[in-house]
Amino acid sequence: MKHCDELHPSHKKQISRINRLSGQLEGVKRMIESQRYCPEILTQLRAIRSAVKSLEANVLQTHLTNCVTETFSSKRVSKREKDKKIEELIEIFKRFD
């Protein structure tokens, strides 16, 4: 396999999750349009949040097991590039809540 900066791993397996999330959001939109009870809407929004976090975890896992692992196992990658990869991860985690 090529270095991750040259060939990014595929996330196509996540498309079904994204389609499901899109459907859930449309469902919430319909709930709001039909003036459903607030706690019912909030329950659906929490389910969407959980599904997004799961999707995010899967993309992160792919990044760590492919891109990051390849960077650190490659003899042709400089220390500077490895440090950049660490900094990239730090920035990603700073944005998580």
N, C-alpha and C. Protein backbone atom coordinates (compact mmCIF):
# COMPACT_ATOMS: atom_id res chain seq x y z
N MET A 1 0.84 -1.18 0.00
CA MET A 1 0.00 0.00 0.00
C MET A 1 0.89 1.24 0.00
N LYS A 2 0.44 2.27 -0.69
CA LYS A 2 1.20 3.51 -0.77
C LYS A 2 1.07 4.30 0.53
N HIS A 3 1.99 5.24 0.70
CA HIS A 3 1.94 6.14 1.84
C HIS A 3 0.61 6.88 1.82
N CYS A 4 0.05 7.12 2.96
CA CYS A 4 -1.30 7.68 3.07
C CYS A 4 -1.44 9.04 2.40
N ASP A 5 -0.37 9.84 2.40
CA ASP A 5 -0.47 11.14 1.76
C ASP A 5 -0.61 11.00 0.25
N GLU A 6 -0.22 9.85 -0.30
CA GLU A 6 -0.33 9.60 -1.73
C GLU A 6 -1.65 8.94 -2.09
N LEU A 7 -2.15 8.09 -1.22
CA LEU A 7 -3.39 7.36 -1.47
C LEU A 7 -4.15 7.24 -0.16
N HIS A 8 -5.22 7.96 -0.05
CA HIS A 8 -6.00 7.95 1.19
C HIS A 8 -6.83 6.68 1.27
N PRO A 9 -7.05 6.16 2.48
CA PRO A 9 -7.88 4.97 2.63
C PRO A 9 -9.34 5.29 2.26
N SER A 10 -10.05 4.29 1.86
CA SER A 10 -11.45 4.46 1.47
C SER A 10 -12.35 4.47 2.70
N HIS A 11 -13.32 5.34 2.66
CA HIS A 11 -14.34 5.40 3.70
C HIS A 11 -15.71 5.04 3.11
N LYS A 12 -15.71 4.39 1.96
CA LYS A 12 -16.96 4.06 1.28
C LYS A 12 -17.90 3.21 2.14
N LYS A 13 -17.33 2.41 3.04
CA LYS A 13 -18.17 1.59 3.92
C LYS A 13 -19.06 2.46 4.81
N GLN A 14 -18.70 3.72 4.97
CA GLN A 14 -19.45 4.61 5.84
C GLN A 14 -20.65 5.25 5.15
N ILE A 15 -20.76 5.08 3.84
CA ILE A 15 -21.84 5.71 3.08
C ILE A 15 -23.21 5.27 3.60
N SER A 16 -23.37 3.99 3.92
CA SER A 16 -24.67 3.53 4.43
C SER A 16 -25.01 4.22 5.75
N ARG A 17 -24.01 4.44 6.59
CA ARG A 17 -24.25 5.17 7.85
C ARG A 17 -24.69 6.60 7.56
N ILE A 18 -24.02 7.22 6.61
CA ILE A 18 -24.36 8.60 6.25
C ILE A 18 -25.77 8.68 5.68
N ASN A 19 -26.13 7.71 4.85
CA ASN A 19 -27.50 7.68 4.31
C ASN A 19 -28.53 7.52 5.43
N ARG A 20 -28.20 6.67 6.41
CA ARG A 20 -29.10 6.46 7.55
C ARG A 20 -29.23 7.76 8.35
N LEU A 21 -28.09 8.44 8.56
CA LEU A 21 -28.12 9.73 9.27
C LEU A 21 -28.96 10.76 8.53
N SER A 22 -28.81 10.79 7.23
CA SER A 22 -29.59 11.71 6.42
C SER A 22 -31.08 11.43 6.59
N GLY A 23 -31.45 10.17 6.60
CA GLY A 23 -32.85 9.78 6.82
C GLY A 23 -33.33 10.18 8.20
N GLN A 24 -32.47 10.02 9.21
CA GLN A 24 -32.84 10.42 10.57
C GLN A 24 -33.07 11.93 10.64
N LEU A 25 -32.22 12.70 9.99
CA LEU A 25 -32.40 14.15 9.99
C LEU A 25 -33.70 14.55 9.29
N GLU A 26 -34.00 13.89 8.19
CA GLU A 26 -35.27 14.15 7.50
C GLU A 26 -36.44 13.81 8.42
N GLY A 27 -36.30 12.74 9.20
CA GLY A 27 -37.34 12.36 10.15
C GLY A 27 -37.55 13.43 11.21
N VAL A 28 -36.46 14.00 11.71
CA VAL A 28 -36.56 15.08 12.70
C VAL A 28 -37.23 16.30 12.06
N LYS A 29 -36.88 16.58 10.82
CA LYS A 29 -37.51 17.71 10.12
C LYS A 29 -39.02 17.51 10.05
N ARG A 30 -39.44 16.29 9.70
CA ARG A 30 -40.88 15.99 9.64
C ARG A 30 -41.53 16.10 11.02
N MET A 31 -40.80 15.66 12.05
CA MET A 31 -41.32 15.77 13.42
C MET A 31 -41.56 17.23 13.79
N ILE A 32 -40.61 18.08 13.42
CA ILE A 32 -40.74 19.50 13.73
C ILE A 32 -41.89 20.12 12.94
N GLU A 33 -41.99 19.75 11.66
CA GLU A 33 -43.08 20.27 10.83
C GLU A 33 -44.45 19.84 11.35
N SER A 34 -44.52 18.65 11.92
CA SER A 34 -45.81 18.18 12.44
C SER A 34 -45.98 18.49 13.92
N GLN A 35 -45.10 19.32 14.44
CA GLN A 35 -45.17 19.81 15.83
C GLN A 35 -45.24 18.68 16.85
N ARG A 36 -44.35 17.73 16.71
CA ARG A 36 -44.28 16.63 17.67
C ARG A 36 -43.79 17.14 19.02
N TYR A 37 -44.01 16.35 20.03
CA TYR A 37 -43.64 16.67 21.40
C TYR A 37 -42.12 16.82 21.52
N CYS A 38 -41.68 17.90 22.17
CA CYS A 38 -40.26 18.24 22.26
C CYS A 38 -39.36 17.08 22.71
N PRO A 39 -39.70 16.36 23.78
CA PRO A 39 -38.84 15.25 24.20
C PRO A 39 -38.67 14.16 23.12
N GLU A 40 -39.68 13.96 22.29
CA GLU A 40 -39.55 12.99 21.20
C GLU A 40 -38.51 13.47 20.19
N ILE A 41 -38.56 14.74 19.87
CA ILE A 41 -37.58 15.32 18.94
C ILE A 41 -36.19 15.24 19.53
N LEU A 42 -36.07 15.61 20.81
CA LEU A 42 -34.77 15.57 21.48
C LEU A 42 -34.20 14.15 21.52
N THR A 43 -35.05 13.17 21.72
CA THR A 43 -34.61 11.77 21.72
C THR A 43 -34.03 11.39 20.37
N GLN A 44 -34.68 11.81 19.32
CA GLN A 44 -34.18 11.52 17.97
C GLN A 44 -32.86 12.26 17.71
N LEU A 45 -32.76 13.49 18.17
CA LEU A 45 -31.52 14.25 18.00
C LEU A 45 -30.36 13.60 18.74
N ARG A 46 -30.62 13.06 19.91
CA ARG A 46 -29.58 12.35 20.67
C ARG A 46 -29.14 11.10 19.92
N ALA A 47 -30.09 10.42 19.31
CA ALA A 47 -29.74 9.22 18.52
C ALA A 47 -28.86 9.61 17.34
N ILE A 48 -29.17 10.74 16.71
CA ILE A 48 -28.36 11.23 15.59
C ILE A 48 -26.97 11.58 16.08
N ARG A 49 -26.88 12.25 17.21
CA ARG A 49 -25.58 12.61 17.76
C ARG A 49 -24.74 11.36 18.02
N SER A 50 -25.35 10.36 18.58
CA SER A 50 -24.65 9.10 18.85
C SER A 50 -24.16 8.45 17.55
N ALA A 51 -25.00 8.48 16.53
CA ALA A 51 -24.63 7.90 15.23
C ALA A 51 -23.48 8.67 14.58
N VAL A 52 -23.48 9.99 14.72
CA VAL A 52 -22.40 10.81 14.18
C VAL A 52 -21.09 10.50 14.91
N LYS A 53 -21.16 10.36 16.23
CA LYS A 53 -19.96 10.02 17.00
C LYS A 53 -19.40 8.66 16.59
N SER A 54 -20.28 7.72 16.31
CA SER A 54 -19.85 6.41 15.85
C SER A 54 -19.17 6.49 14.48
N LEU A 55 -19.75 7.27 13.59
CA LEU A 55 -19.15 7.49 12.28
C LEU A 55 -17.78 8.15 12.43
N GLU A 56 -17.72 9.15 13.26
CA GLU A 56 -16.46 9.85 13.52
C GLU A 56 -15.40 8.88 14.06
N ALA A 57 -15.78 8.01 14.98
CA ALA A 57 -14.84 7.04 15.55
C ALA A 57 -14.33 6.07 14.49
N ASN A 58 -15.19 5.67 13.58
CA ASN A 58 -14.77 4.76 12.51
C ASN A 58 -13.78 5.43 11.56
N VAL A 59 -14.04 6.69 11.21
CA VAL A 59 -13.12 7.42 10.33
C VAL A 59 -11.78 7.62 11.04
N LEU A 60 -11.82 7.96 12.32
CA LEU A 60 -10.59 8.14 13.09
C LEU A 60 -9.80 6.83 13.17
N GLN A 61 -10.49 5.73 13.42
CA GLN A 61 -9.83 4.43 13.49
C GLN A 61 -9.13 4.10 12.17
N THR A 62 -9.81 4.36 11.06
CA THR A 62 -9.20 4.13 9.75
C THR A 62 -7.97 5.00 9.58
N HIS A 63 -8.06 6.25 9.99
CA HIS A 63 -6.92 7.16 9.87
C HIS A 63 -5.74 6.65 10.71
N LEU A 64 -6.02 6.25 11.93
CA LEU A 64 -4.95 5.79 12.81
C LEU A 64 -4.32 4.48 12.32
N THR A 65 -5.15 3.55 11.88
CA THR A 65 -4.62 2.24 11.48
C THR A 65 -4.00 2.26 10.10
N ASN A 66 -4.27 3.28 9.31
CA ASN A 66 -3.69 3.37 7.97
C ASN A 66 -2.67 4.50 7.90
N CYS A 67 -3.15 5.71 7.86
CA CYS A 67 -2.29 6.88 7.63
C CYS A 67 -1.21 7.04 8.70
N VAL A 68 -1.61 7.03 9.95
CA VAL A 68 -0.65 7.26 11.03
C VAL A 68 0.32 6.09 11.15
N THR A 69 -0.20 4.89 11.13
CA THR A 69 0.65 3.70 11.22
C THR A 69 1.66 3.67 10.09
N GLU A 70 1.22 3.95 8.88
CA GLU A 70 2.12 3.94 7.73
C GLU A 70 3.20 5.01 7.86
N THR A 71 2.81 6.18 8.33
CA THR A 71 3.78 7.26 8.50
C THR A 71 4.89 6.85 9.46
N PHE A 72 4.52 6.24 10.58
CA PHE A 72 5.51 5.89 11.59
C PHE A 72 6.29 4.62 11.28
N SER A 73 5.78 3.79 10.40
CA SER A 73 6.51 2.57 10.06
C SER A 73 7.38 2.73 8.82
N SER A 74 7.19 3.82 8.10
CA SER A 74 7.95 4.06 6.87
C SER A 74 9.35 4.59 7.18
N LYS A 75 10.33 4.00 6.54
CA LYS A 75 11.72 4.46 6.70
C LYS A 75 11.99 5.73 5.89
N ARG A 76 11.15 5.98 4.89
CA ARG A 76 11.39 7.13 4.01
C ARG A 76 10.70 8.41 4.49
N VAL A 77 10.03 8.34 5.65
CA VAL A 77 9.36 9.52 6.19
C VAL A 77 10.27 10.16 7.24
N SER A 78 10.49 11.47 7.10
CA SER A 78 11.39 12.19 8.01
C SER A 78 10.74 12.39 9.38
N LYS A 79 11.58 12.70 10.35
CA LYS A 79 11.10 13.00 11.70
C LYS A 79 10.16 14.20 11.65
N ARG A 80 10.48 15.16 10.80
CA ARG A 80 9.64 16.36 10.66
C ARG A 80 8.23 15.98 10.20
N GLU A 81 8.13 15.08 9.24
CA GLU A 81 6.81 14.62 8.76
C GLU A 81 6.07 13.86 9.84
N LYS A 82 6.79 13.06 10.62
CA LYS A 82 6.16 12.32 11.72
C LYS A 82 5.65 13.30 12.78
N ASP A 83 6.45 14.31 13.08
CA ASP A 83 6.01 15.33 14.03
C ASP A 83 4.77 16.06 13.53
N LYS A 84 4.72 16.31 12.22
CA LYS A 84 3.54 16.94 11.62
C LYS A 84 2.29 16.09 11.82
N LYS A 85 2.46 14.77 11.67
CA LYS A 85 1.33 13.85 11.84
C LYS A 85 0.83 13.89 13.29
N ILE A 86 1.75 13.96 14.25
CA ILE A 86 1.37 14.07 15.66
C ILE A 86 0.63 15.38 15.91
N GLU A 87 1.15 16.47 15.36
CA GLU A 87 0.50 17.76 15.52
C GLU A 87 -0.91 17.76 14.91
N GLU A 88 -1.05 17.10 13.78
CA GLU A 88 -2.36 16.97 13.14
C GLU A 88 -3.35 16.26 14.07
N LEU A 89 -2.90 15.19 14.71
CA LEU A 89 -3.77 14.46 15.64
C LEU A 89 -4.13 15.31 16.86
N ILE A 90 -3.16 16.05 17.37
CA ILE A 90 -3.43 16.93 18.51
C ILE A 90 -4.50 17.95 18.14
N GLU A 91 -4.40 18.54 16.96
CA GLU A 91 -5.40 19.51 16.52
C GLU A 91 -6.78 18.88 16.37
N ILE A 92 -6.83 17.66 15.84
CA ILE A 92 -8.10 16.95 15.72
C ILE A 92 -8.74 16.76 17.09
N PHE A 93 -7.95 16.29 18.07
CA PHE A 93 -8.49 16.01 19.39
C PHE A 93 -8.87 17.30 20.13
N LYS A 94 -8.21 18.39 19.85
CA LYS A 94 -8.58 19.67 20.47
C LYS A 94 -9.99 20.10 20.04
N ARG A 95 -10.37 19.70 18.82
CA ARG A 95 -11.69 20.10 18.30
C ARG A 95 -12.81 19.19 18.79
N PHE A 96 -12.47 18.02 19.33
CA PHE A 96 -13.50 17.11 19.85
C PHE A 96 -14.04 17.66 21.15
N ASP A 97 -15.33 17.38 21.42
CA ASP A 97 -15.84 17.76 22.75
C ASP A 97 -16.31 16.58 23.50
